């Protein structure tokens, strides 16, 4: 028999984890775009200005959101067995 309270908590935590992942990825993309602008070839310039503070701010936000995502995944996984759903996995290289 399925535990519907556990299912509701699982689904809410899973949705929250997905939202955190999307938000984290936006900050990581900001860093990527900043790096691409710096590393792109420039014809008449010696170098491109680099805003390290902006990159650090985006990295800090991404790291904070990543931690929130991990907490949400942990919550979903704590409910998975009770509601018959698979545990969430985080891909890691």
C-alpha atoms as a PDB file:
ATOM      1  CA  UNK A   1       0.000   0.000   0.000  1.00  0.00           C
ATOM      2  CA  UNK A   2       1.346   3.391  -0.978  1.00  0.00           C
ATOM      3  CA  UNK A   3       1.936   6.039   1.673  1.00  0.00           C
ATOM      4  CA  UNK A   4       0.346   9.141   0.124  1.00  0.00           C
ATOM      5  CA  UNK A   5       1.802  11.526   2.684  1.00  0.00           C
ATOM      6  CA  UNK A   6       5.292  10.236   1.843  1.00  0.00           C
ATOM      7  CA  UNK A   7       4.442  10.503  -1.865  1.00  0.00           C
ATOM      8  CA  UNK A   8       3.447  14.148  -1.472  1.00  0.00           C
ATOM      9  CA  UNK A   9       6.671  14.934   0.411  1.00  0.00           C
ATOM     10  CA  UNK A  10       8.708  13.015  -2.184  1.00  0.00           C
ATOM     11  CA  UNK A  11       7.140  14.843  -5.121  1.00  0.00           C
ATOM     12  CA  UNK A  12       7.477  18.255  -3.474  1.00  0.00           C
ATOM     13  CA  UNK A  13      11.143  17.648  -2.630  1.00  0.00           C
ATOM     14  CA  UNK A  14      11.856  16.307  -6.131  1.00  0.00           C
ATOM     15  CA  UNK A  15      10.276  19.375  -7.717  1.00  0.00           C
ATOM     16  CA  UNK A  16      12.239  21.641  -5.396  1.00  0.00           C
ATOM     17  CA  UNK A  17      15.494  19.828  -6.244  1.00  0.00           C
ATOM     18  CA  UNK A  18      14.800  20.273  -9.956  1.00  0.00           C
ATOM     19  CA  UNK A  19      14.148  23.992  -9.488  1.00  0.00           C
ATOM     20  CA  UNK A  20      17.346  24.379  -7.485  1.00  0.00           C
ATOM     21  CA  UNK A  21      19.298  22.555 -10.219  1.00  0.00           C
ATOM     22  CA  UNK A  22      17.914  24.888 -12.893  1.00  0.00           C
ATOM     23  CA  UNK A  23      18.692  27.964 -10.811  1.00  0.00           C
ATOM     24  CA  UNK A  24      22.209  26.715 -10.034  1.00  0.00           C
ATOM     25  CA  UNK A  25      22.795  26.068 -13.719  1.00  0.00           C
ATOM     26  CA  UNK A  26      21.843  29.654 -14.609  1.00  0.00           C
ATOM     27  CA  UNK A  27      24.616  30.931 -12.338  1.00  0.00           C
ATOM     28  CA  UNK A  28      27.079  28.423 -13.782  1.00  0.00           C
ATOM     29  CA  UNK A  29      26.128  29.543 -17.301  1.00  0.00           C
ATOM     30  CA  UNK A  30      26.848  33.140 -16.292  1.00  0.00           C
ATOM     31  CA  UNK A  31      30.360  32.013 -15.389  1.00  0.00           C
ATOM     32  CA  UNK A  32      30.707  30.133 -18.664  1.00  0.00           C
ATOM     33  CA  UNK A  33      29.633  33.175 -20.688  1.00  0.00           C
ATOM     34  CA  UNK A  34      32.080  35.388 -18.775  1.00  0.00           C
ATOM     35  CA  UNK A  35      34.902  32.943 -19.532  1.00  0.00           C
ATOM     36  CA  UNK A  36      33.947  32.689 -23.196  1.00  0.00           C
ATOM     37  CA  UNK A  37      34.063  36.483 -23.543  1.00  0.00           C
ATOM     38  CA  UNK A  38      37.524  36.584 -21.971  1.00  0.00           C
ATOM     39  CA  UNK A  39      38.889  33.675 -23.980  1.00  0.00           C
ATOM     40  CA  UNK A  40      37.419  34.640 -27.367  1.00  0.00           C
ATOM     41  CA  UNK A  41      40.045  35.834 -29.850  1.00  0.00           C
ATOM     42  CA  UNK A  42      40.324  39.604 -30.212  1.00  0.00           C
ATOM     43  CA  UNK A  43      41.829  41.117 -33.337  1.00  0.00           C
ATOM     44  CA  UNK A  44      43.085  44.495 -32.180  1.00  0.00           C
ATOM     45  CA  UNK A  45      43.238  43.991 -28.425  1.00  0.00           C
ATOM     46  CA  UNK A  46      45.902  42.568 -26.145  1.00  0.00           C
ATOM     47  CA  UNK A  47      43.349  41.099 -23.748  1.00  0.00           C
ATOM     48  CA  UNK A  48      39.769  41.309 -22.609  1.00  0.00           C
ATOM     49  CA  UNK A  49      38.855  42.753 -19.239  1.00  0.00           C
ATOM     50  CA  UNK A  50      37.893  40.149 -16.648  1.00  0.00           C
ATOM     51  CA  UNK A  51      35.424  40.763 -13.825  1.00  0.00           C
ATOM     52  CA  UNK A  52      36.618  38.323 -11.167  1.00  0.00           C
ATOM     53  CA  UNK A  53      34.161  39.648  -8.575  1.00  0.00           C
ATOM     54  CA  UNK A  54      31.218  38.845 -10.839  1.00  0.00           C
ATOM     55  CA  UNK A  55      32.509  35.326 -11.481  1.00  0.00           C
ATOM     56  CA  UNK A  56      33.087  34.778  -7.749  1.00  0.00           C
ATOM     57  CA  UNK A  57      29.605  36.067  -6.903  1.00  0.00           C
ATOM     58  CA  UNK A  58      28.037  33.694  -9.429  1.00  0.00           C
ATOM     59  CA  UNK A  59      30.136  30.810  -8.124  1.00  0.00           C
ATOM     60  CA  UNK A  60      29.132  31.526  -4.518  1.00  0.00           C
ATOM     61  CA  UNK A  61      25.452  31.651  -5.458  1.00  0.00           C
ATOM     62  CA  UNK A  62      25.741  28.432  -7.473  1.00  0.00           C
ATOM     63  CA  UNK A  63      27.448  26.665  -4.547  1.00  0.00           C
ATOM     64  CA  UNK A  64      24.779  27.833  -2.074  1.00  0.00           C
ATOM     65  CA  UNK A  65      21.964  26.713  -4.353  1.00  0.00           C
ATOM     66  CA  UNK A  66      23.735  23.402  -4.965  1.00  0.00           C
ATOM     67  CA  UNK A  67      23.694  22.744  -1.216  1.00  0.00           C
ATOM     68  CA  UNK A  68      19.956  23.485  -1.135  1.00  0.00           C
ATOM     69  CA  UNK A  69      19.482  21.068  -4.027  1.00  0.00           C
ATOM     70  CA  UNK A  70      21.353  18.346  -2.120  1.00  0.00           C
ATOM     71  CA  UNK A  71      19.100  18.870   0.903  1.00  0.00           C
ATOM     72  CA  UNK A  72      16.004  18.549  -1.302  1.00  0.00           C
ATOM     73  CA  UNK A  73      17.366  15.354  -2.894  1.00  0.00           C
ATOM     74  CA  UNK A  74      18.080  13.949   0.550  1.00  0.00           C
ATOM     75  CA  UNK A  75      14.504  14.725   1.630  1.00  0.00           C
ATOM     76  CA  UNK A  76      13.047  13.070  -1.466  1.00  0.00           C
ATOM     77  CA  UNK A  77      15.234  10.021  -0.968  1.00  0.00           C
ATOM     78  CA  UNK A  78      14.172   9.725   2.661  1.00  0.00           C
ATOM     79  CA  UNK A  79      10.572   9.314   1.427  1.00  0.00           C
ATOM     80  CA  UNK A  80      11.286   7.148  -1.629  1.00  0.00           C
ATOM     81  CA  UNK A  81      10.925   3.726  -0.046  1.00  0.00           C
ATOM     82  CA  UNK A  82       7.738   4.596   1.824  1.00  0.00           C
ATOM     83  CA  UNK A  83       5.995   5.745  -1.356  1.00  0.00           C
ATOM     84  CA  UNK A  84       7.472   3.212  -3.774  1.00  0.00           C
ATOM     85  CA  UNK A  85       9.445   5.706  -5.841  1.00  0.00           C
ATOM     86  CA  UNK A  86      13.073   5.441  -6.950  1.00  0.00           C
ATOM     87  CA  UNK A  87      15.730   7.364  -5.100  1.00  0.00           C
ATOM     88  CA  UNK A  88      17.028  10.432  -6.886  1.00  0.00           C
ATOM     89  CA  UNK A  89      20.594  10.286  -8.109  1.00  0.00           C
ATOM     90  CA  UNK A  90      23.048  13.049  -8.740  1.00  0.00           C
ATOM     91  CA  UNK A  91      25.406  12.434 -11.634  1.00  0.00           C
ATOM     92  CA  UNK A  92      29.031  12.736 -10.677  1.00  0.00           C
ATOM     93  CA  UNK A  93      32.103  12.298 -12.844  1.00  0.00           C
END
